[in-house]
């Protein structure tokens, strides 16, 4: 008895699905009404920390952002630990840059200040909707987060 099994996919369909997902993400980023929700924190010292069930997001609302990310790591400068328990900022975006690369990934970078601490953010959004956020601080070890980009809920959208 001879049994042949064959698996395959229609490359044209896969390609058009990937292209349409990428176009959705691109339009979302261009609208500046989206948020990045993280499922994992990746502190510099190693080990992944599951964030499911813990509040965290970077919410873009046109020309401003509202962000809260829990922080796990070492603080290097004085001034005491803030009472927020993480990285928090609400206000206008500083030095926002959005760059698409040849691999259909979108890099979003911007700066904020929390008290006297300078924070540099770099978010790499991949064509499938996954996002990798890296935060560099003037007073703490760097930390990264993994998650997804999603549409901004209607209750947070600003009137045009």
Protein backbone atom coordinates (compact mmCIF):
# COMPACT_ATOMS: atom_id res chain seq x y z
CA UNK A 1 0.00 0.00 0.00
CA UNK A 2 1.35 3.40 -0.93
CA UNK A 3 0.19 6.53 0.87
CA UNK A 4 1.18 9.94 -0.38
CA UNK A 5 0.49 13.04 1.63
CA UNK A 6 1.06 16.49 0.29
CA UNK A 7 0.86 19.82 2.04
CA UNK A 8 1.13 23.21 0.53
CA UNK A 9 -0.23 26.66 0.48
CA UNK A 10 -1.30 29.07 -2.13
CA UNK A 11 1.55 31.57 -2.14
CA UNK A 12 -0.53 34.19 -3.90
CA UNK A 13 -3.17 34.05 -1.16
CA UNK A 14 -0.57 34.06 1.62
CA UNK A 15 1.21 36.98 0.02
CA UNK A 16 -1.95 39.05 -0.41
CA UNK A 17 -3.03 38.28 3.19
CA UNK A 18 0.37 39.46 4.47
CA UNK A 19 0.20 42.55 2.28
CA UNK A 20 -3.29 43.49 3.49
CA UNK A 21 -2.30 42.97 7.16
CA UNK A 22 0.75 45.18 6.61
CA UNK A 23 -1.40 47.85 4.92
CA UNK A 24 -3.81 47.79 7.90
CA UNK A 25 -0.91 48.28 10.30
CA UNK A 26 0.61 51.02 8.17
CA UNK A 27 -2.70 52.92 8.06
CA UNK A 28 -3.09 52.48 11.82
CA UNK A 29 0.36 53.98 12.48
CA UNK A 30 -0.23 56.82 10.00
CA UNK A 31 -3.50 57.70 11.78
CA UNK A 32 -1.60 58.04 15.07
CA UNK A 33 -4.58 56.52 16.85
CA UNK A 34 -3.36 53.17 18.09
CA UNK A 35 -1.91 51.51 21.11
CA UNK A 36 0.76 48.95 21.81
CA UNK A 37 -0.23 46.34 24.37
CA UNK A 38 2.58 44.25 25.80
CA UNK A 39 2.42 40.64 26.93
CA UNK A 40 6.03 40.26 28.06
CA UNK A 41 8.67 42.38 29.80
CA UNK A 42 12.30 41.50 29.10
CA UNK A 43 14.53 43.14 31.74
CA UNK A 44 18.22 43.61 30.97
CA UNK A 45 19.23 41.04 33.61
CA UNK A 46 17.36 38.26 31.83
CA UNK A 47 14.17 36.33 32.33
CA UNK A 48 10.84 37.09 30.73
CA UNK A 49 8.03 38.47 32.89
CA UNK A 50 4.46 37.80 31.80
CA UNK A 51 2.41 41.01 31.79
CA UNK A 52 -0.98 39.52 30.98
CA UNK A 53 -3.38 40.92 33.57
CA UNK A 54 -1.03 43.79 34.45
CA UNK A 55 -1.97 47.23 33.13
CA UNK A 56 0.45 48.38 30.45
CA UNK A 57 0.17 50.21 27.16
CA UNK A 58 1.53 52.94 24.98
CA UNK A 59 -1.48 54.82 23.65
CA UNK A 60 -0.97 57.20 20.71
CA UNK A 61 -3.68 59.87 20.43
CA UNK A 62 -2.74 62.03 17.45
CA UNK A 63 -0.04 64.39 18.77
CA UNK A 64 0.18 63.02 22.32
CA UNK A 65 0.77 59.77 24.14
CA UNK A 66 -0.43 58.15 27.34
CA UNK A 67 1.86 55.39 28.51
CA UNK A 68 2.33 53.18 31.50
CA UNK A 69 4.78 50.29 31.52
CA UNK A 70 5.77 48.34 34.62
CA UNK A 71 9.52 48.44 35.21
CA UNK A 72 11.71 45.57 36.36
CA UNK A 73 15.36 46.43 36.74
CA UNK A 74 17.98 48.57 38.43
CA UNK A 75 17.88 52.32 38.98
CA UNK A 76 21.32 53.98 38.91
CA UNK A 77 20.79 57.58 39.99
CA UNK A 78 19.42 59.18 43.13
CA UNK A 79 16.13 60.92 43.51
CA UNK A 80 14.42 57.88 44.93
CA UNK A 81 12.07 55.52 43.23
CA UNK A 82 8.98 57.11 41.83
CA UNK A 83 5.65 56.15 43.29
CA UNK A 84 4.26 55.08 39.92
CA UNK A 85 5.77 51.59 39.99
CA UNK A 86 6.89 51.91 36.41
CA UNK A 87 7.34 54.20 33.47
CA UNK A 88 4.54 56.73 33.11
CA UNK A 89 4.03 59.69 30.81
CA UNK A 90 1.03 61.64 29.54
CA UNK A 91 1.65 64.51 27.16
CA UNK A 92 2.89 65.62 23.77
CA UNK A 93 5.21 63.40 21.78
CA UNK A 94 8.79 64.67 21.56
CA UNK A 95 11.03 63.97 18.55
CA UNK A 96 8.63 61.46 17.01
CA UNK A 97 10.03 59.60 14.01
CA UNK A 98 8.22 56.94 12.00
CA UNK A 99 10.29 55.04 9.45
CA UNK A 100 9.30 52.12 7.22
CA UNK A 101 12.08 49.80 6.12
CA UNK A 102 12.47 47.49 3.14
CA UNK A 103 11.33 44.46 5.19
CA UNK A 104 7.90 46.06 5.74
CA UNK A 105 8.60 46.82 9.38
CA UNK A 106 7.80 50.19 10.92
CA UNK A 107 10.09 51.79 13.49
CA UNK A 108 8.55 54.37 15.81
CA UNK A 109 10.88 56.34 18.05
CA UNK A 110 10.21 59.18 20.46
CA UNK A 111 11.41 60.74 23.71
CA UNK A 112 9.71 61.63 26.99
CA UNK A 113 10.68 62.90 30.42
CA UNK A 114 9.44 61.48 33.71
CA UNK A 115 10.39 63.80 36.56
CA UNK A 116 14.13 64.35 35.87
CA UNK A 117 14.56 61.12 33.93
CA UNK A 118 14.95 61.10 30.14
CA UNK A 119 13.34 58.14 28.39
CA UNK A 120 14.01 57.10 24.79
CA UNK A 121 11.50 54.72 23.20
CA UNK A 122 11.96 52.60 20.09
CA UNK A 123 9.03 50.49 18.92
CA UNK A 124 9.56 48.06 16.05
CA UNK A 125 6.22 47.06 14.53
CA UNK A 126 6.41 43.98 12.33
CA UNK A 127 4.20 43.28 9.31
CA UNK A 128 2.17 40.70 11.28
CA UNK A 129 1.22 43.21 14.01
CA UNK A 130 3.75 42.11 16.61
CA UNK A 131 5.65 44.88 18.36
CA UNK A 132 8.96 45.02 20.22
CA UNK A 133 9.49 48.07 22.44
CA UNK A 134 12.88 49.08 23.86
CA UNK A 135 13.20 51.79 26.51
CA UNK A 136 16.52 53.46 27.33
CA UNK A 137 16.65 55.62 30.44
CA UNK A 138 19.07 58.19 31.81
CA UNK A 139 18.64 56.67 35.30
CA UNK A 140 17.77 52.97 34.89
CA UNK A 141 18.84 49.85 33.05
CA UNK A 142 17.27 49.38 29.63
CA UNK A 143 14.21 47.18 29.32
CA UNK A 144 12.30 45.68 26.40
CA UNK A 145 8.71 44.58 25.96
CA UNK A 146 6.95 42.30 23.46
CA UNK A 147 3.35 42.62 22.41
CA UNK A 148 1.03 43.74 19.63
CA UNK A 149 -0.19 46.91 17.97
CA UNK A 150 -3.98 47.35 18.08
CA UNK A 151 -6.53 49.95 17.06
CA UNK A 152 -7.20 52.63 19.66
CA UNK A 153 -10.52 52.01 21.44
CA UNK A 154 -13.18 54.54 20.39
CA UNK A 155 -13.39 56.08 23.87
CA UNK A 156 -9.79 57.32 23.51
CA UNK A 157 -10.03 58.70 19.96
CA UNK A 158 -9.83 62.48 19.59
CA UNK A 159 -12.15 64.49 17.39
CA UNK A 160 -10.51 65.57 14.14
